[in-house]
Amino acid sequence: GNWGTLRFGALRSKGNVDVRIGFPTDESTPFDDTAF
């Protein structure tokens, strides 16, 4: 109706995690994730 919804999907995610503050070295860690 106009009160609710249910959805299913597949998600793909890519990117990098870069050190900004607090770690001794400047690291860049790539990631590549898939999820339902």
Full PDB file with SEQRES, HELIX, SHEET, SSBOND, CRYST1, ORIGX, SCALE, CONECT and MASTER records, all heavy atoms in Angstrom:
SEQRES   1 A   36  GLY ASN TRP GLY THR LEU ARG PHE GLY ALA LEU ARG SER          
SEQRES   2 A   36  LYS GLY ASN VAL ASP VAL ARG ILE GLY PHE PRO THR ASP          
SEQRES   3 A   36  GLU SER THR PRO PHE ASP ASP THR ALA PHE                      
SHEET    1 AA1 2 LEU A  11  ASP A  18  0                                        
SHEET    2 AA1 2 SER A  28  ALA A  35 -1                                        
CRYST1    1.000    1.000    1.000  90.00  90.00  90.00 P 1           1          
ORIGX1      1.000000  0.000000  0.000000        0.00000                         
ORIGX2      0.000000  1.000000  0.000000        0.00000                         
ORIGX3      0.000000  0.000000  1.000000        0.00000                         
SCALE1      1.000000  0.000000  0.000000        0.00000                         
SCALE2      0.000000  1.000000  0.000000        0.00000                         
SCALE3      0.000000  0.000000  1.000000        0.00000                         
ATOM      1  N   GLY A   1       0.834  -1.193   0.000  1.00  0.00           N  
ATOM      2  CA  GLY A   1       0.000   0.000   0.000  1.00  0.00           C  
ATOM      3  C   GLY A   1       0.866   1.240   0.000  1.00  0.00           C  
ATOM      4  O   GLY A   1       1.862   1.324  -0.716  1.00  0.00           O  
ATOM      5  N   ASN A   2       0.495   2.220   0.822  1.00  0.00           N  
ATOM      6  CA  ASN A   2       1.296   3.436   0.941  1.00  0.00           C  
ATOM      7  C   ASN A   2       1.951   3.546   2.312  1.00  0.00           C  
ATOM      8  O   ASN A   2       2.318   4.637   2.750  1.00  0.00           O  
ATOM      9  CB  ASN A   2       0.426   4.672   0.682  1.00  0.00           C  
ATOM     10  CG  ASN A   2      -0.752   4.762   1.639  1.00  0.00           C  
ATOM     11  OD1 ASN A   2      -0.877   3.951   2.546  1.00  0.00           O  
ATOM     12  ND2 ASN A   2      -1.618   5.735   1.425  1.00  0.00           N  
ATOM     13  N   TRP A   3       2.148   2.376   2.989  1.00  0.00           N  
ATOM     14  CA  TRP A   3       2.699   2.429   4.341  1.00  0.00           C  
ATOM     15  C   TRP A   3       4.031   1.697   4.497  1.00  0.00           C  
ATOM     16  O   TRP A   3       4.736   1.906   5.483  1.00  0.00           O  
ATOM     17  CB  TRP A   3       1.714   1.865   5.352  1.00  0.00           C  
ATOM     18  CG  TRP A   3       1.312   0.436   5.097  1.00  0.00           C  
ATOM     19  CD1 TRP A   3       0.216   0.009   4.407  1.00  0.00           C  
ATOM     20  CD2 TRP A   3       2.001  -0.744   5.537  1.00  0.00           C  
ATOM     21  NE1 TRP A   3       0.186  -1.359   4.371  1.00  0.00           N  
ATOM     22  CE2 TRP A   3       1.254  -1.852   5.053  1.00  0.00           C  
ATOM     23  CE3 TRP A   3       3.160  -0.982   6.273  1.00  0.00           C  
ATOM     24  CZ2 TRP A   3       1.641  -3.177   5.289  1.00  0.00           C  
ATOM     25  CZ3 TRP A   3       3.546  -2.298   6.507  1.00  0.00           C  
ATOM     26  CH2 TRP A   3       2.795  -3.374   6.025  1.00  0.00           C  
ATOM     27  N   GLY A   4       4.425   0.834   3.546  1.00  0.00           N  
ATOM     28  CA  GLY A   4       5.649   0.084   3.766  1.00  0.00           C  
ATOM     29  C   GLY A   4       6.242  -0.464   2.489  1.00  0.00           C  
ATOM     30  O   GLY A   4       5.598  -0.489   1.430  1.00  0.00           O  
ATOM     31  N   THR A   5       7.500  -0.922   2.588  1.00  0.00           N  
ATOM     32  CA  THR A   5       8.185  -1.511   1.443  1.00  0.00           C  
ATOM     33  C   THR A   5       9.174  -2.556   1.927  1.00  0.00           C  
ATOM     34  O   THR A   5       9.691  -2.480   3.052  1.00  0.00           O  
ATOM     35  CB  THR A   5       8.908  -0.433   0.605  1.00  0.00           C  
ATOM     36  OG1 THR A   5       9.363  -1.007  -0.612  1.00  0.00           O  
ATOM     37  CG2 THR A   5      10.111   0.130   1.349  1.00  0.00           C  
ATOM     38  N   LEU A   6       9.437  -3.557   1.074  1.00  0.00           N  
ATOM     39  CA  LEU A   6      10.431  -4.593   1.316  1.00  0.00           C  
ATOM     40  C   LEU A   6      11.264  -4.715   0.049  1.00  0.00           C  
ATOM     41  O   LEU A   6      10.715  -4.882  -1.041  1.00  0.00           O  
ATOM     42  CB  LEU A   6       9.756  -5.924   1.646  1.00  0.00           C  
ATOM     43  CG  LEU A   6      10.676  -7.148   1.794  1.00  0.00           C  
ATOM     44  CD1 LEU A   6      11.588  -6.986   3.006  1.00  0.00           C  
ATOM     45  CD2 LEU A   6       9.854  -8.432   1.909  1.00  0.00           C  
ATOM     46  N   ARG A   7      12.601  -4.606   0.180  1.00  0.00           N  
ATOM     47  CA  ARG A   7      13.458  -4.693  -1.001  1.00  0.00           C  
ATOM     48  C   ARG A   7      14.684  -5.556  -0.718  1.00  0.00           C  
ATOM     49  O   ARG A   7      15.174  -5.629   0.403  1.00  0.00           O  
ATOM     50  CB  ARG A   7      13.891  -3.304  -1.479  1.00  0.00           C  
ATOM     51  CG  ARG A   7      14.681  -2.485  -0.500  1.00  0.00           C  
ATOM     52  CD  ARG A   7      15.407  -1.294  -1.166  1.00  0.00           C  
ATOM     53  NE  ARG A   7      14.514  -0.380  -1.856  1.00  0.00           N  
ATOM     54  CZ  ARG A   7      14.934   0.703  -2.517  1.00  0.00           C  
ATOM     55  NH1 ARG A   7      16.245   0.999  -2.542  1.00  0.00           N  
ATOM     56  NH2 ARG A   7      14.084   1.493  -3.139  1.00  0.00           N  
ATOM     57  N   PHE A   8      15.150  -6.214  -1.791  1.00  0.00           N  
ATOM     58  CA  PHE A   8      16.345  -7.040  -1.739  1.00  0.00           C  
ATOM     59  C   PHE A   8      17.271  -6.578  -2.859  1.00  0.00           C  
ATOM     60  O   PHE A   8      16.821  -6.211  -3.945  1.00  0.00           O  
ATOM     61  CB  PHE A   8      16.006  -8.518  -1.935  1.00  0.00           C  
ATOM     62  CG  PHE A   8      15.072  -9.072  -0.902  1.00  0.00           C  
ATOM     63  CD1 PHE A   8      13.704  -9.093  -1.126  1.00  0.00           C  
ATOM     64  CD2 PHE A   8      15.553  -9.563   0.305  1.00  0.00           C  
ATOM     65  CE1 PHE A   8      12.829  -9.598  -0.176  1.00  0.00           C  
ATOM     66  CE2 PHE A   8      14.692 -10.070   1.261  1.00  0.00           C  
ATOM     67  CZ  PHE A   8      13.330 -10.090   1.023  1.00  0.00           C  
ATOM     68  N   GLY A   9      18.592  -6.610  -2.591  1.00  0.00           N  
ATOM     69  CA  GLY A   9      19.522  -6.147  -3.597  1.00  0.00           C  
ATOM     70  C   GLY A   9      20.899  -6.752  -3.446  1.00  0.00           C  
ATOM     71  O   GLY A   9      21.194  -7.484  -2.486  1.00  0.00           O  
ATOM     72  N   ALA A  10      21.722  -6.431  -4.423  1.00  0.00           N  
ATOM     73  CA  ALA A  10      23.132  -6.801  -4.399  1.00  0.00           C  
ATOM     74  C   ALA A  10      23.953  -5.532  -4.506  1.00  0.00           C  
ATOM     75  O   ALA A  10      23.639  -4.646  -5.313  1.00  0.00           O  
ATOM     76  CB  ALA A  10      23.461  -7.752  -5.547  1.00  0.00           C  
ATOM     77  N   LEU A  11      25.014  -5.441  -3.678  1.00  0.00           N  
ATOM     78  CA  LEU A  11      25.800  -4.213  -3.586  1.00  0.00           C  
ATOM     79  C   LEU A  11      27.272  -4.526  -3.833  1.00  0.00           C  
ATOM     80  O   LEU A  11      27.808  -5.502  -3.305  1.00  0.00           O  
ATOM     81  CB  LEU A  11      25.607  -3.575  -2.210  1.00  0.00           C  
ATOM     82  CG  LEU A  11      26.312  -2.248  -1.924  1.00  0.00           C  
ATOM     83  CD1 LEU A  11      25.440  -1.404  -1.000  1.00  0.00           C  
ATOM     84  CD2 LEU A  11      27.669  -2.484  -1.255  1.00  0.00           C  
ATOM     85  N   ARG A  12      27.905  -3.692  -4.646  1.00  0.00           N  
ATOM     86  CA  ARG A  12      29.349  -3.813  -4.890  1.00  0.00           C  
ATOM     87  C   ARG A  12      29.997  -2.493  -4.486  1.00  0.00           C  
ATOM     88  O   ARG A  12      29.540  -1.410  -4.867  1.00  0.00           O  
ATOM     89  CB  ARG A  12      29.601  -4.094  -6.366  1.00  0.00           C  
ATOM     90  CG  ARG A  12      31.061  -4.405  -6.718  1.00  0.00           C  
ATOM     91  CD  ARG A  12      31.499  -5.739  -6.158  1.00  0.00           C  
ATOM     92  NE  ARG A  12      32.906  -6.002  -6.411  1.00  0.00           N  
ATOM     93  CZ  ARG A  12      33.373  -6.523  -7.538  1.00  0.00           C  
ATOM     94  NH1 ARG A  12      32.534  -6.817  -8.522  1.00  0.00           N  
ATOM     95  NH2 ARG A  12      34.664  -6.757  -7.671  1.00  0.00           N  
ATOM     96  N   SER A  13      31.080  -2.587  -3.700  1.00  0.00           N  
ATOM     97  CA  SER A  13      31.728  -1.396  -3.163  1.00  0.00           C  
ATOM     98  C   SER A  13      33.230  -1.502  -3.348  1.00  0.00           C  
ATOM     99  O   SER A  13      33.836  -2.553  -3.075  1.00  0.00           O  
ATOM    100  CB  SER A  13      31.386  -1.243  -1.673  1.00  0.00           C  
ATOM    101  OG  SER A  13      32.065  -0.161  -1.095  1.00  0.00           O  
ATOM    102  N   LYS A  14      33.850  -0.414  -3.816  1.00  0.00           N  
ATOM    103  CA  LYS A  14      35.295  -0.361  -3.998  1.00  0.00           C  
ATOM    104  C   LYS A  14      35.813   0.977  -3.493  1.00  0.00           C  
ATOM    105  O   LYS A  14      35.067   1.972  -3.490  1.00  0.00           O  
ATOM    106  CB  LYS A  14      35.677  -0.543  -5.466  1.00  0.00           C  
ATOM    107  CG  LYS A  14      35.248  -1.855  -6.080  1.00  0.00           C  
ATOM    108  CD  LYS A  14      35.698  -1.975  -7.526  1.00  0.00           C  
ATOM    109  CE  LYS A  14      37.209  -2.089  -7.611  1.00  0.00           C  
ATOM    110  NZ  LYS A  14      37.667  -2.347  -9.001  1.00  0.00           N  
ATOM    111  N   GLY A  15      37.087   1.009  -3.054  1.00  0.00           N  
ATOM    112  CA  GLY A  15      37.653   2.267  -2.612  1.00  0.00           C  
ATOM    113  C   GLY A  15      38.943   2.071  -1.856  1.00  0.00           C  
ATOM    114  O   GLY A  15      39.599   1.027  -1.949  1.00  0.00           O  
ATOM    115  N   ASN A  16      39.298   3.104  -1.078  1.00  0.00           N  
ATOM    116  CA  ASN A  16      40.531   3.102  -0.306  1.00  0.00           C  
ATOM    117  C   ASN A  16      40.292   3.666   1.082  1.00  0.00           C  
ATOM    118  O   ASN A  16      39.468   4.573   1.266  1.00  0.00           O  
ATOM    119  CB  ASN A  16      41.614   3.942  -0.997  1.00  0.00           C  
ATOM    120  CG  ASN A  16      42.084   3.336  -2.296  1.00  0.00           C  
ATOM    121  OD1 ASN A  16      42.907   2.433  -2.319  1.00  0.00           O  
ATOM    122  ND2 ASN A  16      41.550   3.846  -3.402  1.00  0.00           N  
ATOM    123  N   VAL A  17      41.038   3.131   2.056  1.00  0.00           N  
ATOM    124  CA  VAL A  17      41.060   3.666   3.409  1.00  0.00           C  
ATOM    125  C   VAL A  17      42.434   4.289   3.622  1.00  0.00           C  
ATOM    126  O   VAL A  17      43.457   3.587   3.621  1.00  0.00           O  
ATOM    127  CB  VAL A  17      40.805   2.566   4.452  1.00  0.00           C  
ATOM    128  CG1 VAL A  17      40.853   3.162   5.859  1.00  0.00           C  
ATOM    129  CG2 VAL A  17      39.468   1.885   4.200  1.00  0.00           C  
ATOM    130  N   ASP A  18      42.484   5.611   3.770  1.00  0.00           N  
ATOM    131  CA  ASP A  18      43.739   6.338   3.920  1.00  0.00           C  
ATOM    132  C   ASP A  18      43.914   6.813   5.352  1.00  0.00           C  
ATOM    133  O   ASP A  18      42.957   7.264   6.000  1.00  0.00           O  
ATOM    134  CB  ASP A  18      43.772   7.559   2.987  1.00  0.00           C  
ATOM    135  CG  ASP A  18      43.704   7.161   1.522  1.00  0.00           C  
ATOM    136  OD1 ASP A  18      44.423   6.226   1.147  1.00  0.00           O  
ATOM    137  OD2 ASP A  18      42.918   7.784   0.770  1.00  0.00           O  
ATOM    138  N   VAL A  19      45.119   6.711   5.842  1.00  0.00           N  
ATOM    139  CA  VAL A  19      45.440   7.211   7.185  1.00  0.00           C  
ATOM    140  C   VAL A  19      45.367   8.733   7.174  1.00  0.00           C  
ATOM    141  O   VAL A  19      45.913   9.384   6.292  1.00  0.00           O  
ATOM    142  CB  VAL A  19      46.839   6.748   7.619  1.00  0.00           C  
ATOM    143  CG1 VAL A  19      47.241   7.446   8.918  1.00  0.00           C  
ATOM    144  CG2 VAL A  19      46.869   5.246   7.779  1.00  0.00           C  
ATOM    145  N   ARG A  20      44.701   9.300   8.172  1.00  0.00           N  
ATOM    146  CA  ARG A  20      44.590  10.756   8.261  1.00  0.00           C  
ATOM    147  C   ARG A  20      45.266  11.283   9.523  1.00  0.00           C  
ATOM    148  O   ARG A  20      46.069  12.198   9.471  1.00  0.00           O  
ATOM    149  CB  ARG A  20      43.123  11.185   8.221  1.00  0.00           C  
ATOM    150  CG  ARG A  20      42.915  12.675   8.068  1.00  0.00           C  
ATOM    151  CD  ARG A  20      41.467  12.991   7.716  1.00  0.00           C  
ATOM    152  NE  ARG A  20      41.310  14.407   7.430  1.00  0.00           N  
ATOM    153  CZ  ARG A  20      40.918  15.309   8.330  1.00  0.00           C  
ATOM    154  NH1 ARG A  20      40.632  14.928   9.564  1.00  0.00           N  
ATOM    155  NH2 ARG A  20      40.802  16.574   7.990  1.00  0.00           N  
ATOM    156  N   ILE A  21      44.929  10.710  10.671  1.00  0.00           N  
ATOM    157  CA  ILE A  21      45.483  11.161  11.952  1.00  0.00           C  
ATOM    158  C   ILE A  21      45.711   9.941  12.836  1.00  0.00           C  
ATOM    159  O   ILE A  21      44.882   9.033  12.885  1.00  0.00           O  
ATOM    160  CB  ILE A  21      44.516  12.140  12.675  1.00  0.00           C  
ATOM    161  CG1 ILE A  21      44.250  13.378  11.823  1.00  0.00           C  
ATOM    162  CG2 ILE A  21      45.072  12.556  14.039  1.00  0.00           C  
ATOM    163  CD1 ILE A  21      43.179  14.283  12.402  1.00  0.00           C  
ATOM    164  N   GLY A  22      46.840   9.910  13.531  1.00  0.00           N  
ATOM    165  CA  GLY A  22      47.018   8.947  14.604  1.00  0.00           C  
ATOM    166  C   GLY A  22      47.821   7.715  14.295  1.00  0.00           C  
ATOM    167  O   GLY A  22      48.143   6.951  15.205  1.00  0.00           O  
ATOM    168  N   PHE A  23      48.152   7.446  13.024  1.00  0.00           N  
ATOM    169  CA  PHE A  23      48.962   6.286  12.699  1.00  0.00           C  
ATOM    170  C   PHE A  23      50.381   6.742  12.357  1.00  0.00           C  
ATOM    171  O   PHE A  23      50.588   7.829  11.811  1.00  0.00           O  
ATOM    172  CB  PHE A  23      48.364   5.525  11.510  1.00  0.00           C  
ATOM    173  CG  PHE A  23      47.085   4.818  11.849  1.00  0.00           C  
ATOM    174  CD1 PHE A  23      45.854   5.380  11.524  1.00  0.00           C  
ATOM    175  CD2 PHE A  23      47.106   3.596  12.508  1.00  0.00           C  
ATOM    176  CE1 PHE A  23      44.670   4.736  11.832  1.00  0.00           C  
ATOM    177  CE2 PHE A  23      45.919   2.942  12.819  1.00  0.00           C  
ATOM    178  CZ  PHE A  23      44.697   3.505  12.486  1.00  0.00           C  
ATOM    179  N   PRO A  24      51.388   5.891  12.630  1.00  0.00           N  
ATOM    180  CA  PRO A  24      52.781   6.316  12.407  1.00  0.00           C  
ATOM    181  C   PRO A  24      53.155   6.435  10.940  1.00  0.00           C  
ATOM    182  O   PRO A  24      54.102   7.133  10.606  1.00  0.00           O  
ATOM    183  CB  PRO A  24      53.593   5.214  13.103  1.00  0.00           C  
ATOM    184  CG  PRO A  24      52.680   4.025  13.115  1.00  0.00           C  
ATOM    185  CD  PRO A  24      51.302   4.571  13.280  1.00  0.00           C  
ATOM    186  N   THR A  25      52.459   5.739  10.058  1.00  0.00           N  
ATOM    187  CA  THR A  25      52.796   5.788   8.631  1.00  0.00           C  
ATOM    188  C   THR A  25      51.576   6.177   7.828  1.00  0.00           C  
ATOM    189  O   THR A  25      50.434   5.960   8.251  1.00  0.00           O  
ATOM    190  CB  THR A  25      53.317   4.429   8.143  1.00  0.00           C  
ATOM    191  OG1 THR A  25      52.293   3.441   8.348  1.00  0.00           O  
ATOM    192  CG2 THR A  25      54.576   4.035   8.884  1.00  0.00           C  
ATOM    193  N   ASP A  26      51.830   6.766   6.671  1.00  0.00           N  
ATOM    194  CA  ASP A  26      50.738   7.111   5.762  1.00  0.00           C  
ATOM    195  C   ASP A  26      50.415   5.898   4.900  1.00  0.00           C  
ATOM    196  O   ASP A  26      51.113   5.602   3.930  1.00  0.00           O  
ATOM    197  CB  ASP A  26      51.138   8.297   4.873  1.00  0.00           C  
ATOM    198  CG  ASP A  26      51.313   9.567   5.676  1.00  0.00           C  
ATOM    199  OD1 ASP A  26      50.675   9.662   6.738  1.00  0.00           O  
ATOM    200  OD2 ASP A  26      52.093  10.436   5.243  1.00  0.00           O  
ATOM    201  N   GLU A  27      49.377   5.185   5.287  1.00  0.00           N  
ATOM    202  CA  GLU A  27      48.998   3.986   4.565  1.00  0.00           C  
ATOM    203  C   GLU A  27      47.737   4.238   3.758  1.00  0.00           C  
ATOM    204  O   GLU A  27      46.898   5.056   4.123  1.00  0.00           O  
ATOM    205  CB  GLU A  27      48.765   2.831   5.532  1.00  0.00           C  
ATOM    206  CG  GLU A  27      50.005   2.380   6.274  1.00  0.00           C  
ATOM    207  CD  GLU A  27      49.717   1.158   7.126  1.00  0.00           C  
ATOM    208  OE1 GLU A  27      48.672   0.521   6.893  1.00  0.00           O  
ATOM    209  OE2 GLU A  27      50.526   0.853   8.012  1.00  0.00           O  
ATOM    210  N   SER A  28      47.605   3.476   2.678  1.00  0.00           N  
ATOM    211  CA  SER A  28      46.398   3.491   1.875  1.00  0.00           C  
ATOM    212  C   SER A  28      46.021   2.051   1.580  1.00  0.00           C  
ATOM    213  O   SER A  28      46.770   1.336   0.898  1.00  0.00           O  
ATOM    214  CB  SER A  28      46.604   4.273   0.582  1.00  0.00           C  
ATOM    215  OG  SER A  28      45.401   4.292  -0.177  1.00  0.00           O  
ATOM    216  N   THR A  29      44.901   1.618   2.130  1.00  0.00           N  
ATOM    217  CA  THR A  29      44.476   0.225   1.993  1.00  0.00           C  
ATOM    218  C   THR A  29      43.276   0.137   1.067  1.00  0.00           C  
ATOM    219  O   THR A  29      42.220   0.715   1.370  1.00  0.00           O  
ATOM    220  CB  THR A  29      44.107  -0.360   3.366  1.00  0.00           C  
ATOM    221  OG1 THR A  29      45.216  -0.206   4.253  1.00  0.00           O  
ATOM    222  CG2 THR A  29      43.741  -1.826   3.241  1.00  0.00           C  
ATOM    223  N   PRO A  30      43.403  -0.561  -0.062  1.00  0.00           N  
ATOM    224  CA  PRO A  30      42.259  -0.701  -0.964  1.00  0.00           C  
ATOM    225  C   PRO A  30      41.274  -1.741  -0.440  1.00  0.00           C  
ATOM    226  O   PRO A  30      41.637  -2.639   0.332  1.00  0.00           O  
ATOM    227  CB  PRO A  30      42.898  -1.162  -2.273  1.00  0.00           C  
ATOM    228  CG  PRO A  30      44.119  -1.887  -1.839  1.00  0.00           C  
ATOM    229  CD  PRO A  30      44.619  -1.190  -0.605  1.00  0.00           C  
ATOM    230  N   PHE A  31      40.024  -1.623  -0.822  1.00  0.00           N  
ATOM    231  CA  PHE A  31      39.026  -2.630  -0.477  1.00  0.00           C  
ATOM    232  C   PHE A  31      38.106  -2.863  -1.667  1.00  0.00           C  
ATOM    233  O   PHE A  31      37.934  -2.006  -2.536  1.00  0.00           O  
ATOM    234  CB  PHE A  31      38.219  -2.225   0.759  1.00  0.00           C  
ATOM    235  CG  PHE A  31      37.426  -0.958   0.597  1.00  0.00           C  
ATOM    236  CD1 PHE A  31      36.139  -0.970   0.067  1.00  0.00           C  
ATOM    237  CD2 PHE A  31      37.960   0.265   0.991  1.00  0.00           C  
ATOM    238  CE1 PHE A  31      35.408   0.208  -0.077  1.00  0.00           C  
ATOM    239  CE2 PHE A  31      37.241   1.441   0.853  1.00  0.00           C  
ATOM    240  CZ  PHE A  31      35.966   1.416   0.317  1.00  0.00           C  
ATOM    241  N   ASP A  32      37.507  -4.032  -1.686  1.00  0.00           N  
ATOM    242  CA  ASP A  32      36.609  -4.440  -2.774  1.00  0.00           C  
ATOM    243  C   ASP A  32      35.610  -5.410  -2.176  1.00  0.00           C  
ATOM    244  O   ASP A  32      35.943  -6.556  -1.886  1.00  0.00           O  
ATOM    245  CB  ASP A  32      37.421  -5.092  -3.903  1.00  0.00           C  
ATOM    246  CG  ASP A  32      36.545  -5.427  -5.117  1.00  0.00           C  
ATOM    247  OD1 ASP A  32      35.311  -5.340  -4.990  1.00  0.00           O  
ATOM    248  OD2 ASP A  32      37.113  -5.776  -6.163  1.00  0.00           O  
ATOM    249  N   ASP A  33      34.392  -4.951  -1.932  1.00  0.00           N  
ATOM    250  CA  ASP A  33      33.407  -5.747  -1.208  1.00  0.00           C  
ATOM    251  C   ASP A  33      32.172  -6.016  -2.051  1.00  0.00           C  
ATOM    252  O   ASP A  33      31.750  -5.180  -2.864  1.00  0.00           O  
ATOM    253  CB  ASP A  33      32.972  -5.031   0.084  1.00  0.00           C  
ATOM    254  CG  ASP A  33      34.095  -4.931   1.086  1.00  0.00           C  
ATOM    255  OD1 ASP A  33      34.952  -5.825   1.085  1.00  0.00           O  
ATOM    256  OD2 ASP A  33      34.111  -3.960   1.856  1.00  0.00           O  
ATOM    257  N   THR A  34      31.581  -7.184  -1.825  1.00  0.00           N  
ATOM    258  CA  THR A  34      30.312  -7.562  -2.429  1.00  0.00           C  
ATOM    259  C   THR A  34      29.378  -8.016  -1.321  1.00  0.00           C  
ATOM    260  O   THR A  34      29.803  -8.724  -0.401  1.00  0.00           O  
ATOM    261  CB  THR A  34      30.490  -8.692  -3.457  1.00  0.00           C  
ATOM    262  OG1 THR A  34      31.385  -8.250  -4.480  1.00  0.00           O  
ATOM    263  CG2 THR A  34      29.155  -9.062  -4.093  1.00  0.00           C  
ATOM    264  N   ALA A  35      28.100  -7.606  -1.371  1.00  0.00           N  
ATOM    265  CA  ALA A  35      27.158  -7.970  -0.309  1.00  0.00           C  
ATOM    266  C   ALA A  35      25.747  -8.070  -0.870  1.00  0.00           C  
ATOM    267  O   ALA A  35      25.399  -7.431  -1.862  1.00  0.00           O  
ATOM    268  CB  ALA A  35      27.201  -6.937   0.819  1.00  0.00           C  
ATOM    269  N   PHE A  36      24.955  -8.911  -0.209  1.00  0.00           N  
ATOM    270  CA  PHE A  36      23.524  -8.951  -0.450  1.00  0.00           C  
ATOM    271  C   PHE A  36      22.838  -8.117   0.631  1.00  0.00           C  
ATOM    272  O   PHE A  36      23.272  -8.115   1.787  1.00  0.00           O  
ATOM    273  CB  PHE A  36      23.001 -10.382  -0.425  1.00  0.00           C  
ATOM    274  CG  PHE A  36      23.532 -11.231  -1.544  1.00  0.00           C  
ATOM    275  CD1 PHE A  36      24.147 -12.436  -1.280  1.00  0.00           C  
ATOM    276  CD2 PHE A  36      23.412 -10.813  -2.856  1.00  0.00           C  
ATOM    277  CE1 PHE A  36      24.647 -13.218  -2.306  1.00  0.00           C  
ATOM    278  CE2 PHE A  36      23.901 -11.579  -3.898  1.00  0.00           C  
ATOM    279  CZ  PHE A  36      24.524 -12.796  -3.620  1.00  0.00           C  
TER     280      PHE A  36                                                      
MASTER        0    0    0    0    2    0    0    6  279    1    0    3          
END                                                                             
